[in-house]
Amino acid sequence: MTKVNCNTFDVRGVKFHNKPEDLVYLEAKMPCKLLPEPTNEFDPNAIAILVGEHFLGYVPKELAKHFTPMMNAGLKLSAMIKSTLPAKLIVTCWLVWDKE
């Protein structure tokens, strides 16, 4: 398996979608799920970020427009929490594929 670092970014909408007490369990290096939302009314390229089943927020719009075609082409994007600063949540995302 090969990993290539894609990007590190602030999760969008964390404060809008969560209360501070909803986020106290988050720690660096926790894995995140990236879930495309093609029916999102605001952005058809929206990609939700979840830890377990808990919704955290979204991949920034300017990155999601590049990540969505990759995911649609079958490439797997993996992500983990990089840091949980008081003012923001930072995630690192990378591509994963099997080396032939």
Protein backbone atom coordinates (compact mmCIF):
# COMPACT_ATOMS: atom_id res chain seq x y z
CA MET A 1 0.00 0.00 0.00
CA THR A 2 1.27 3.47 -0.88
CA LYS A 3 0.33 6.68 0.93
CA VAL A 4 0.78 10.15 -0.48
CA ASN A 5 0.10 13.20 1.68
CA CYS A 6 -2.60 15.36 0.16
CA ASN A 7 -3.26 18.21 2.47
CA THR A 8 -3.71 19.47 6.00
CA PHE A 9 -6.69 21.73 6.57
CA ASP A 10 -9.09 23.25 9.07
CA VAL A 11 -12.40 21.41 9.21
CA ARG A 12 -15.18 23.75 8.07
CA GLY A 13 -18.38 24.14 10.08
CA VAL A 14 -17.13 22.58 13.33
CA LYS A 15 -18.58 25.33 15.54
CA PHE A 16 -21.80 25.49 13.54
CA HIS A 17 -22.51 21.75 13.72
CA ASN A 18 -21.11 20.90 17.18
CA LYS A 19 -21.21 22.11 20.76
CA PRO A 20 -17.85 22.35 22.57
CA GLU A 21 -18.77 19.42 24.82
CA ASP A 22 -19.35 17.27 21.71
CA LEU A 23 -15.65 17.56 20.82
CA VAL A 24 -13.87 16.96 24.15
CA TYR A 25 -13.15 13.30 23.30
CA LEU A 26 -11.22 14.15 20.12
CA GLU A 27 -7.48 13.52 20.09
CA ALA A 28 -4.69 13.82 17.56
CA LYS A 29 -4.21 10.76 15.34
CA MET A 30 -7.85 9.66 15.59
CA PRO A 31 -8.95 8.30 12.19
CA CYS A 32 -11.69 10.14 10.32
CA LYS A 33 -14.11 8.96 7.67
CA LEU A 34 -14.61 11.06 4.57
CA LEU A 35 -18.13 10.76 3.17
CA PRO A 36 -19.08 12.45 -0.13
CA GLU A 37 -22.44 14.26 -0.10
CA PRO A 38 -23.35 14.59 -3.80
CA THR A 39 -26.89 15.71 -2.87
CA ASN A 40 -25.67 18.52 -0.59
CA GLU A 41 -27.80 21.55 -1.48
CA PHE A 42 -24.91 24.01 -1.09
CA ASP A 43 -22.10 22.09 -2.82
CA PRO A 44 -22.35 18.86 -4.87
CA ASN A 45 -18.65 18.25 -4.12
CA ALA A 46 -19.17 18.43 -0.33
CA ILE A 47 -17.28 15.84 1.71
CA ALA A 48 -18.36 15.29 5.30
CA ILE A 49 -15.81 14.40 7.98
CA LEU A 50 -16.82 11.95 10.70
CA VAL A 51 -15.15 10.28 13.67
CA GLY A 52 -17.04 7.06 14.19
CA GLU A 53 -20.62 8.13 13.49
CA HIS A 54 -20.12 11.68 14.86
CA PHE A 55 -20.26 14.39 12.20
CA LEU A 56 -17.50 16.98 12.66
CA GLY A 57 -17.79 19.25 9.63
CA TYR A 58 -16.62 19.44 6.03
CA VAL A 59 -13.50 19.36 3.87
CA PRO A 60 -12.94 22.95 2.67
CA LYS A 61 -14.81 23.64 -0.57
CA GLU A 62 -11.62 24.57 -2.44
CA LEU A 63 -10.13 21.11 -1.68
CA ALA A 64 -13.34 19.08 -1.97
CA LYS A 65 -13.68 20.05 -5.63
CA HIS A 66 -10.36 18.22 -6.24
CA PHE A 67 -10.90 15.31 -3.83
CA THR A 68 -14.38 14.39 -5.13
CA PRO A 69 -13.22 13.40 -8.65
CA MET A 70 -10.43 11.30 -7.09
CA MET A 71 -12.93 9.50 -4.86
CA ASN A 72 -15.32 9.04 -7.80
CA ALA A 73 -12.45 7.48 -9.76
CA GLY A 74 -12.02 4.87 -7.03
CA LEU A 75 -9.05 6.31 -5.15
CA LYS A 76 -9.35 6.01 -1.39
CA LEU A 77 -8.83 9.13 0.68
CA SER A 78 -7.95 8.54 4.31
CA ALA A 79 -7.80 11.14 7.05
CA MET A 80 -6.90 11.64 10.69
CA ILE A 81 -7.08 14.44 13.20
CA LYS A 82 -3.81 16.32 13.30
CA SER A 83 -4.61 18.65 16.18
CA THR A 84 -7.51 19.86 18.30
CA LEU A 85 -6.70 23.48 19.03
CA PRO A 86 -9.30 25.37 21.08
CA ALA A 87 -10.33 27.54 18.14
CA LYS A 88 -10.18 24.96 15.34
CA LEU A 89 -9.93 21.32 14.37
CA ILE A 90 -7.17 20.40 11.91
CA VAL A 91 -7.23 17.23 9.79
CA THR A 92 -4.58 15.66 7.56
CA CYS A 93 -5.81 13.82 4.50
CA TRP A 94 -3.90 11.51 2.16
CA LEU A 95 -4.45 9.23 -0.83
CA VAL A 96 -4.06 5.49 -0.35
CA TRP A 97 -3.72 2.90 -3.11
CA ASP A 98 -2.27 -0.53 -3.66
CA LYS A 99 1.09 -0.48 -5.41
CA GLU A 100 1.25 -2.77 -8.42
